[in-house]
Amino acid sequence: MSSRDIPGENPSGAKARHYFVEFMARLKSCPDTKQRPSAANQAVCIRGMTPSDIDRVMEIAESLKEAPSWPRAAFERALDPAAQPRRIALVAEAAGTVAGFAVASLLPPEAELETIAVASTAQRHGLARRLVAGLAAELGAAQITEVILEVRASNQPAQGLYRGLGFAETGRRARYYHDPVEDAVLMRLRLEGA
């Protein structure tokens, strides 16, 4: 089967991809760090992760049972431009505080969304969508045509987010996750213009 043949793709997939492309186009660059948004204007900035973000990123990951528990060295490696595979690591910053993050590894022409997490206090405000949109823009610039991921079978909110962005289920890995043992749902998204 070709990677273009995505089992389970439904007609709403094209609509979701169109929304995703429009969303990427609306993504704003980070404001000048000297000009913080007011409480009334909670601007969100998607930017590259820096070493100074790692403590906050780890704090977010440790506070969420769904997030993988990466050691500091894994995040440091994600920021190392010489590391293989190359990775793109982004954070979502709101009101001057890192509120979410995402890391994808590049395996041209594919990329794997390795982790994405949003602090519980910042969830349900579109930060995960903005992070994925920011990643997609970076991945497109890196000549990536498809994004793959795996997600816990029980993580219905994440699966809903991914489906809403145009990802389609492509299979399962039995007993892939531990603590607790659980299947992984495999998903794939073909990037627009690829």
Protein backbone atom coordinates (compact mmCIF):
# COMPACT_ATOMS: atom_id res chain seq x y z
CA MET A 1 0.00 0.00 0.00
CA SER A 2 1.31 3.45 -0.89
CA SER A 3 1.70 6.03 1.85
CA ARG A 4 -0.80 8.12 -0.09
CA ASP A 5 -3.50 5.47 0.47
CA ILE A 6 -4.79 6.34 3.90
CA PRO A 7 -7.26 3.81 5.25
CA GLY A 8 -10.24 5.33 6.97
CA GLU A 9 -9.92 8.73 5.24
CA ASN A 10 -13.36 10.23 5.05
CA PRO A 11 -14.73 13.16 3.05
CA SER A 12 -14.38 15.44 6.06
CA GLY A 13 -10.60 14.87 5.92
CA ALA A 14 -10.24 17.34 3.03
CA LYS A 15 -12.29 19.92 4.94
CA ALA A 16 -10.18 19.41 8.06
CA ARG A 17 -6.95 19.81 6.05
CA HIS A 18 -8.32 23.01 4.51
CA TYR A 19 -9.08 24.37 8.00
CA PHE A 20 -5.58 23.35 9.09
CA VAL A 21 -3.97 25.29 6.21
CA GLU A 22 -6.07 28.37 6.98
CA PHE A 23 -5.17 28.06 10.64
CA MET A 24 -1.46 27.93 9.77
CA ALA A 25 -1.84 31.09 7.69
CA ARG A 26 -3.34 32.92 10.69
CA LEU A 27 -0.55 31.84 13.03
CA LYS A 28 1.13 34.96 14.37
CA SER A 29 4.82 35.31 15.00
CA CYS A 30 6.01 36.04 18.52
CA PRO A 31 5.65 39.59 19.74
CA ASP A 32 8.67 41.52 20.93
CA THR A 33 9.54 40.02 24.31
CA LYS A 34 9.69 43.54 25.77
CA GLN A 35 6.02 44.08 24.93
CA ARG A 36 3.98 41.56 26.87
CA PRO A 37 0.29 41.26 25.98
CA SER A 38 -2.18 42.60 28.50
CA ALA A 39 -4.50 40.27 30.41
CA ALA A 40 -7.31 41.38 28.10
CA ASN A 41 -5.28 40.41 25.04
CA GLN A 42 -3.85 36.98 25.80
CA ALA A 43 -1.72 36.66 22.67
CA VAL A 44 -0.13 33.30 22.07
CA CYS A 45 3.31 33.03 20.57
CA ILE A 46 4.59 29.83 18.94
CA ARG A 47 8.38 29.84 18.86
CA GLY A 48 11.37 27.56 18.88
CA MET A 49 12.14 25.91 22.20
CA THR A 50 15.32 27.14 23.89
CA PRO A 51 17.43 25.56 26.65
CA SER A 52 15.94 28.03 29.14
CA ASP A 53 12.46 26.55 28.41
CA ILE A 54 13.37 22.99 29.39
CA ASP A 55 12.58 23.28 33.12
CA ARG A 56 9.06 24.57 32.37
CA VAL A 57 8.55 22.00 29.59
CA MET A 58 9.49 19.18 31.97
CA GLU A 59 7.19 20.63 34.63
CA ILE A 60 4.28 20.56 32.17
CA ALA A 61 5.09 17.00 31.06
CA GLU A 62 5.38 15.72 34.64
CA SER A 63 2.02 17.25 35.55
CA LEU A 64 0.13 15.37 32.81
CA LYS A 65 -0.44 11.63 33.02
CA GLU A 66 -0.82 11.42 29.21
CA ALA A 67 2.53 13.10 28.46
CA PRO A 68 5.66 11.00 28.03
CA SER A 69 8.22 11.39 30.78
CA TRP A 70 11.37 12.44 28.95
CA PRO A 71 14.64 13.03 30.79
CA ARG A 72 16.31 16.44 30.43
CA ALA A 73 18.88 14.94 28.06
CA ALA A 74 16.12 14.05 25.57
CA PHE A 75 14.92 17.66 25.40
CA GLU A 76 18.51 18.91 25.14
CA ARG A 77 19.10 16.51 22.26
CA ALA A 78 15.91 17.77 20.56
CA LEU A 79 17.53 21.23 20.54
CA ASP A 80 20.89 20.02 19.22
CA PRO A 81 21.10 20.88 15.50
CA ALA A 82 23.77 18.20 15.00
CA ALA A 83 21.70 15.38 16.55
CA GLN A 84 20.24 12.70 14.30
CA PRO A 85 17.45 12.48 13.53
CA ARG A 86 16.98 16.24 13.32
CA ARG A 87 14.13 17.55 15.46
CA ILE A 88 11.91 20.58 15.55
CA ALA A 89 10.92 21.64 19.06
CA LEU A 90 8.40 24.43 19.63
CA VAL A 91 6.74 26.03 22.63
CA ALA A 92 3.49 27.95 23.01
CA GLU A 93 3.98 31.02 25.14
CA ALA A 94 1.05 32.92 26.62
CA ALA A 95 1.40 35.95 28.90
CA GLY A 96 5.15 35.39 29.04
CA THR A 97 4.89 31.79 30.28
CA VAL A 98 5.46 28.57 28.38
CA ALA A 99 2.08 26.83 28.36
CA GLY A 100 2.73 23.97 25.92
CA PHE A 101 5.29 22.30 23.71
CA ALA A 102 5.71 19.94 20.77
CA VAL A 103 8.62 17.95 19.36
CA ALA A 104 8.79 16.25 15.97
CA SER A 105 11.62 14.19 14.48
CA LEU A 106 12.39 14.52 10.78
CA LEU A 107 12.72 11.31 8.79
CA PRO A 108 12.31 12.73 5.25
CA PRO A 109 9.90 12.68 3.58
CA GLU A 110 8.07 11.94 6.86
CA ALA A 111 8.15 13.45 10.30
CA GLU A 112 7.00 11.87 13.53
CA LEU A 113 5.15 13.96 16.09
CA GLU A 114 6.95 12.57 19.13
CA THR A 115 5.28 14.58 21.86
CA ILE A 116 2.85 17.42 22.33
CA ALA A 117 1.51 18.69 25.64
CA VAL A 118 -0.36 21.70 26.99
CA ALA A 119 -0.46 22.64 30.66
CA SER A 120 -3.78 21.64 32.23
CA THR A 121 -4.56 25.27 33.07
CA ALA A 122 -4.14 26.27 29.40
CA GLN A 123 -6.02 23.39 27.76
CA ARG A 124 -9.12 23.89 25.60
CA HIS A 125 -7.89 27.25 24.28
CA GLY A 126 -6.46 26.09 20.94
CA LEU A 127 -2.79 25.90 22.00
CA ALA A 128 -2.35 22.33 20.75
CA ARG A 129 -3.80 23.32 17.38
CA ARG A 130 -1.42 26.27 17.21
CA LEU A 131 1.53 24.07 18.10
CA VAL A 132 0.64 21.54 15.38
CA ALA A 133 0.12 24.37 12.89
CA GLY A 134 3.51 25.84 13.80
CA LEU A 135 5.12 22.43 13.38
CA ALA A 136 3.44 21.93 10.01
CA ALA A 137 4.84 25.25 8.77
CA GLU A 138 8.34 24.26 9.89
CA LEU A 139 7.97 20.75 8.44
CA GLY A 140 6.78 22.09 5.10
CA ALA A 141 9.88 24.29 4.93
CA ALA A 142 11.96 21.15 5.60
CA GLN A 143 10.37 19.33 2.61
CA ILE A 144 8.35 16.98 4.83
CA THR A 145 5.23 15.66 3.09
CA GLU A 146 3.62 13.50 5.81
CA VAL A 147 3.38 13.52 9.58
CA ILE A 148 2.89 10.31 11.56
CA LEU A 149 2.16 9.80 15.23
CA GLU A 150 0.96 7.29 17.76
CA VAL A 151 -1.45 8.01 20.57
CA ARG A 152 -2.86 5.96 23.43
CA ALA A 153 -6.09 4.22 22.46
CA SER A 154 -7.77 5.68 25.55
CA ASN A 155 -6.73 9.27 24.78
CA GLN A 156 -9.91 10.26 22.97
CA PRO A 157 -9.38 14.05 23.34
CA ALA A 158 -6.02 13.83 21.55
CA GLN A 159 -7.46 11.58 18.84
CA GLY A 160 -10.29 14.08 18.36
CA LEU A 161 -7.78 16.91 17.98
CA TYR A 162 -5.74 14.96 15.45
CA ARG A 163 -8.81 13.95 13.43
CA GLY A 164 -9.96 17.57 13.45
CA LEU A 165 -6.62 18.51 11.89
CA GLY A 166 -7.02 15.89 9.15
CA PHE A 167 -5.05 12.97 10.60
CA ALA A 168 -6.47 9.55 9.77
CA GLU A 169 -6.01 6.29 11.67
CA THR A 170 -3.72 3.92 9.78
CA GLY A 171 -3.38 1.04 12.24
CA ARG A 172 -2.67 -0.04 15.80
CA ARG A 173 0.23 -1.41 17.80
CA ALA A 174 -0.95 -3.87 20.42
CA ARG A 175 0.30 -3.30 23.95
CA TYR A 176 2.68 -0.56 22.79
CA TYR A 177 2.38 1.63 25.88
CA HIS A 178 3.27 0.63 29.43
CA ASP A 179 2.11 1.90 32.81
CA PRO A 180 -0.66 1.12 32.01
CA VAL A 181 -0.32 -1.36 29.17
CA GLU A 182 -2.34 -0.10 26.24
CA ASP A 183 -2.57 -0.16 22.45
CA ALA A 184 -1.24 2.69 20.32
CA VAL A 185 -3.39 4.16 17.57
CA LEU A 186 -1.26 5.07 14.53
CA MET A 187 -2.26 8.19 12.60
CA ARG A 188 -1.00 9.99 9.50
CA LEU A 189 -1.50 13.39 7.86
CA ARG A 190 -0.40 14.34 4.35
CA LEU A 191 0.66 17.99 4.38
CA GLU A 192 -1.01 20.40 1.96
CA GLY A 193 1.01 21.21 -1.11
CA ALA A 194 3.12 18.07 -0.73
